[in-house]
Amino acid sequence: MMGVLVGDEDGGGVTGLIPKATPYMVPTITQEAGCNVGAAAALDAQKLTPR
């Protein structure tokens, strides 16, 4: 899925939907919070910056 979103141009005309974006991965399961999708989304939102 990441390649579909942020894949660089491959020389054959295929490019991801948002190739200049910087991907971040955040865990949904941690020892501190267990399985907490909301906490993962909040952590991910902290990385967002307007361009």
PDB file of N, CA and C in Angstrom:
ATOM      1  N   MET A   1       0.813  -1.191   0.000  1.00  0.00           N
ATOM      2  CA  MET A   1       0.000   0.000   0.000  1.00  0.00           C
ATOM      3  C   MET A   1       0.859   1.259   0.000  1.00  0.00           C
ATOM      4  N   MET A   2       1.966   1.266   0.756  1.00  0.00           N
ATOM      5  CA  MET A   2       2.817   2.456   0.794  1.00  0.00           C
ATOM      6  C   MET A   2       3.341   2.816  -0.590  1.00  0.00           C
ATOM      7  N   GLY A   3       3.711   1.802  -1.376  1.00  0.00           N
ATOM      8  CA  GLY A   3       4.223   2.059  -2.714  1.00  0.00           C
ATOM      9  C   GLY A   3       3.205   2.738  -3.608  1.00  0.00           C
ATOM     10  N   VAL A   4       1.937   2.391  -3.431  1.00  0.00           N
ATOM     11  CA  VAL A   4       0.872   3.023  -4.206  1.00  0.00           C
ATOM     12  C   VAL A   4       0.782   4.505  -3.848  1.00  0.00           C
ATOM     13  N   LEU A   5       1.026   4.814  -2.585  1.00  0.00           N
ATOM     14  CA  LEU A   5       0.903   6.199  -2.138  1.00  0.00           C
ATOM     15  C   LEU A   5       2.142   7.039  -2.420  1.00  0.00           C
ATOM     16  N   VAL A   6       3.306   6.556  -2.024  1.00  0.00           N
ATOM     17  CA  VAL A   6       4.507   7.407  -2.070  1.00  0.00           C
ATOM     18  C   VAL A   6       5.590   6.886  -3.018  1.00  0.00           C
ATOM     19  N   GLY A   7       5.245   6.005  -3.940  1.00  0.00           N
ATOM     20  CA  GLY A   7       6.233   5.452  -4.860  1.00  0.00           C
ATOM     21  C   GLY A   7       6.813   6.516  -5.780  1.00  0.00           C
ATOM     22  N   ASP A   8       8.152   6.499  -5.934  1.00  0.00           N
ATOM     23  CA  ASP A   8       8.826   7.402  -6.870  1.00  0.00           C
ATOM     24  C   ASP A   8       8.537   6.955  -8.299  1.00  0.00           C
ATOM     25  N   GLU A   9       8.743   7.859  -9.246  1.00  0.00           N
ATOM     26  CA  GLU A   9       8.598   7.506 -10.653  1.00  0.00           C
ATOM     27  C   GLU A   9       9.577   6.375 -10.970  1.00  0.00           C
ATOM     28  N   ASP A  10       9.098   5.356 -11.661  1.00  0.00           N
ATOM     29  CA  ASP A  10       9.933   4.180 -11.915  1.00  0.00           C
ATOM     30  C   ASP A  10      10.595   4.174 -13.287  1.00  0.00           C
ATOM     31  N   GLY A  11      10.468   5.250 -14.036  1.00  0.00           N
ATOM     32  CA  GLY A  11      11.064   5.308 -15.366  1.00  0.00           C
ATOM     33  C   GLY A  11      10.170   4.711 -16.438  1.00  0.00           C
ATOM     34  N   GLY A  12       9.133   4.037 -16.043  1.00  0.00           N
ATOM     35  CA  GLY A  12       8.192   3.438 -16.984  1.00  0.00           C
ATOM     36  C   GLY A  12       6.846   4.134 -16.974  1.00  0.00           C
ATOM     37  N   GLY A  13       6.784   5.290 -16.315  1.00  0.00           N
ATOM     38  CA  GLY A  13       5.539   6.044 -16.275  1.00  0.00           C
ATOM     39  C   GLY A  13       4.672   5.778 -15.064  1.00  0.00           C
ATOM     40  N   VAL A  14       5.158   4.987 -14.110  1.00  0.00           N
ATOM     41  CA  VAL A  14       4.364   4.689 -12.916  1.00  0.00           C
ATOM     42  C   VAL A  14       4.893   5.502 -11.743  1.00  0.00           C
ATOM     43  N   THR A  15       4.019   6.250 -11.098  1.00  0.00           N
ATOM     44  CA  THR A  15       4.370   7.077  -9.947  1.00  0.00           C
ATOM     45  C   THR A  15       3.285   6.914  -8.893  1.00  0.00           C
ATOM     46  N   GLY A  16       3.667   7.001  -7.610  1.00  0.00           N
ATOM     47  CA  GLY A  16       2.681   6.936  -6.537  1.00  0.00           C
ATOM     48  C   GLY A  16       1.745   8.139  -6.572  1.00  0.00           C
ATOM     49  N   LEU A  17       0.665   8.059  -5.819  1.00  0.00           N
ATOM     50  CA  LEU A  17      -0.317   9.144  -5.781  1.00  0.00           C
ATOM     51  C   LEU A  17       0.246  10.422  -5.177  1.00  0.00           C
ATOM     52  N   ILE A  18       1.105  10.296  -4.151  1.00  0.00           N
ATOM     53  CA  ILE A  18       1.708  11.450  -3.484  1.00  0.00           C
ATOM     54  C   ILE A  18       3.214  11.191  -3.299  1.00  0.00           C
ATOM     55  N   PRO A  19       3.974  11.178  -4.398  1.00  0.00           N
ATOM     56  CA  PRO A  19       5.371  10.743  -4.338  1.00  0.00           C
ATOM     57  C   PRO A  19       6.298  11.618  -3.494  1.00  0.00           C
ATOM     58  N   LYS A  20       5.929  12.860  -3.244  1.00  0.00           N
ATOM     59  CA  LYS A  20       6.801  13.736  -2.451  1.00  0.00           C
ATOM     60  C   LYS A  20       6.475  13.713  -0.960  1.00  0.00           C
ATOM     61  N   ALA A  21       5.479  12.929  -0.584  1.00  0.00           N
ATOM     62  CA  ALA A  21       5.105  12.827   0.834  1.00  0.00           C
ATOM     63  C   ALA A  21       6.145  12.012   1.587  1.00  0.00           C
ATOM     64  N   THR A  22       6.273  12.284   2.872  1.00  0.00           N
ATOM     65  CA  THR A  22       7.164  11.510   3.735  1.00  0.00           C
ATOM     66  C   THR A  22       6.317  10.539   4.548  1.00  0.00           C
ATOM     67  N   PRO A  23       6.477   9.237   4.329  1.00  0.00           N
ATOM     68  CA  PRO A  23       5.661   8.270   5.076  1.00  0.00           C
ATOM     69  C   PRO A  23       6.157   8.092   6.507  1.00  0.00           C
ATOM     70  N   TYR A  24       5.230   7.901   7.407  1.00  0.00           N
ATOM     71  CA  TYR A  24       5.530   7.585   8.806  1.00  0.00           C
ATOM     72  C   TYR A  24       4.738   6.355   9.200  1.00  0.00           C
ATOM     73  N   MET A  25       5.325   5.528  10.013  1.00  0.00           N
ATOM     74  CA  MET A  25       4.642   4.345  10.532  1.00  0.00           C
ATOM     75  C   MET A  25       4.482   4.530  12.038  1.00  0.00           C
ATOM     76  N   VAL A  26       3.310   4.230  12.552  1.00  0.00           N
ATOM     77  CA  VAL A  26       3.088   4.281  13.992  1.00  0.00           C
ATOM     78  C   VAL A  26       2.444   2.974  14.435  1.00  0.00           C
ATOM     79  N   PRO A  27       2.821   2.471  15.601  1.00  0.00           N
ATOM     80  CA  PRO A  27       2.259   1.192  16.060  1.00  0.00           C
ATOM     81  C   PRO A  27       0.859   1.382  16.637  1.00  0.00           C
ATOM     82  N   THR A  28       0.003   0.412  16.390  1.00  0.00           N
ATOM     83  CA  THR A  28      -1.322   0.427  17.023  1.00  0.00           C
ATOM     84  C   THR A  28      -1.313  -0.373  18.323  1.00  0.00           C
ATOM     85  N   ILE A  29      -0.272  -1.182  18.517  1.00  0.00           N
ATOM     86  CA  ILE A  29      -0.152  -1.981  19.736  1.00  0.00           C
ATOM     87  C   ILE A  29       1.180  -1.666  20.408  1.00  0.00           C
ATOM     88  N   THR A  30       1.115  -1.230  21.668  1.00  0.00           N
ATOM     89  CA  THR A  30       2.321  -0.954  22.451  1.00  0.00           C
ATOM     90  C   THR A  30       2.175  -1.589  23.825  1.00  0.00           C
ATOM     91  N   GLN A  31       3.285  -1.751  24.519  1.00  0.00           N
ATOM     92  CA  GLN A  31       3.212  -2.294  25.878  1.00  0.00           C
ATOM     93  C   GLN A  31       2.490  -1.332  26.807  1.00  0.00           C
ATOM     94  N   GLU A  32       2.684  -0.024  26.594  1.00  0.00           N
ATOM     95  CA  GLU A  32       2.072   0.971  27.482  1.00  0.00           C
ATOM     96  C   GLU A  32       0.560   1.065  27.308  1.00  0.00           C
ATOM     97  N   ALA A  33       0.081   1.063  26.049  1.00  0.00           N
ATOM     98  CA  ALA A  33      -1.337   1.312  25.790  1.00  0.00           C
ATOM     99  C   ALA A  33      -2.096   0.089  25.309  1.00  0.00           C
ATOM    100  N   GLY A  34      -1.404  -1.023  25.085  1.00  0.00           N
ATOM    101  CA  GLY A  34      -2.089  -2.184  24.503  1.00  0.00           C
ATOM    102  C   GLY A  34      -2.482  -1.872  23.074  1.00  0.00           C
ATOM    103  N   CYS A  35      -3.618  -2.374  22.641  1.00  0.00           N
ATOM    104  CA  CYS A  35      -4.114  -2.085  21.300  1.00  0.00           C
ATOM    105  C   CYS A  35      -4.970  -0.828  21.369  1.00  0.00           C
ATOM    106  N   ASN A  36      -4.456   0.265  20.810  1.00  0.00           N
ATOM    107  CA  ASN A  36      -5.139   1.545  20.911  1.00  0.00           C
ATOM    108  C   ASN A  36      -4.973   2.303  19.601  1.00  0.00           C
ATOM    109  N   VAL A  37      -5.910   2.104  18.685  1.00  0.00           N
ATOM    110  CA  VAL A  37      -5.855   2.744  17.378  1.00  0.00           C
ATOM    111  C   VAL A  37      -5.973   4.263  17.511  1.00  0.00           C
ATOM    112  N   GLY A  38      -6.764   4.729  18.456  1.00  0.00           N
ATOM    113  CA  GLY A  38      -6.918   6.173  18.671  1.00  0.00           C
ATOM    114  C   GLY A  38      -5.606   6.831  19.064  1.00  0.00           C
ATOM    115  N   ALA A  39      -4.850   6.183  19.946  1.00  0.00           N
ATOM    116  CA  ALA A  39      -3.551   6.722  20.352  1.00  0.00           C
ATOM    117  C   ALA A  39      -2.590   6.734  19.176  1.00  0.00           C
ATOM    118  N   ALA A  40      -2.635   5.709  18.341  1.00  0.00           N
ATOM    119  CA  ALA A  40      -1.782   5.670  17.149  1.00  0.00           C
ATOM    120  C   ALA A  40      -2.144   6.797  16.189  1.00  0.00           C
ATOM    121  N   ALA A  41      -3.433   7.032  15.993  1.00  0.00           N
ATOM    122  CA  ALA A  41      -3.866   8.115  15.105  1.00  0.00           C
ATOM    123  C   ALA A  41      -3.451   9.476  15.658  1.00  0.00           C
ATOM    124  N   ALA A  42      -3.529   9.659  16.967  1.00  0.00           N
ATOM    125  CA  ALA A  42      -3.113  10.927  17.585  1.00  0.00           C
ATOM    126  C   ALA A  42      -1.613  11.137  17.424  1.00  0.00           C
ATOM    127  N   LEU A  43      -0.828  10.075  17.602  1.00  0.00           N
ATOM    128  CA  LEU A  43       0.613  10.166  17.426  1.00  0.00           C
ATOM    129  C   LEU A  43       0.951  10.504  15.975  1.00  0.00           C
ATOM    130  N   ASP A  44       0.250   9.879  15.051  1.00  0.00           N
ATOM    131  CA  ASP A  44       0.464  10.133  13.627  1.00  0.00           C
ATOM    132  C   ASP A  44       0.091  11.579  13.286  1.00  0.00           C
ATOM    133  N   ALA A  45      -0.994  12.081  13.848  1.00  0.00           N
ATOM    134  CA  ALA A  45      -1.432  13.453  13.563  1.00  0.00           C
ATOM    135  C   ALA A  45      -0.406  14.491  14.014  1.00  0.00           C
ATOM    136  N   GLN A  46       0.379  14.161  15.037  1.00  0.00           N
ATOM    137  CA  GLN A  46       1.411  15.084  15.500  1.00  0.00           C
ATOM    138  C   GLN A  46       2.488  15.294  14.449  1.00  0.00           C
ATOM    139  N   LYS A  47       2.651  14.337  13.524  1.00  0.00           N
ATOM    140  CA  LYS A  47       3.666  14.420  12.476  1.00  0.00           C
ATOM    141  C   LYS A  47       3.203  15.254  11.283  1.00  0.00           C
ATOM    142  N   LEU A  48       1.893  15.547  11.188  1.00  0.00           N
ATOM    143  CA  LEU A  48       1.381  16.285  10.050  1.00  0.00           C
ATOM    144  C   LEU A  48       1.822  17.737  10.080  1.00  0.00           C
ATOM    145  N   THR A  49       2.245  18.222   8.928  1.00  0.00           N
ATOM    146  CA  THR A  49       2.615  19.628   8.789  1.00  0.00           C
ATOM    147  C   THR A  49       2.061  20.165   7.487  1.00  0.00           C
ATOM    148  N   PRO A  50       1.560  21.376   7.481  1.00  0.00           N
ATOM    149  CA  PRO A  50       1.050  21.952   6.233  1.00  0.00           C
ATOM    150  C   PRO A  50       2.207  22.271   5.287  1.00  0.00           C
ATOM    151  N   ARG A  51       1.933  22.208   4.032  1.00  0.00           N
ATOM    152  CA  ARG A  51       2.958  22.546   3.032  1.00  0.00           C
ATOM    153  C   ARG A  51       2.511  23.702   2.201  1.00  0.00           C
TER     154      ARG A  51
END
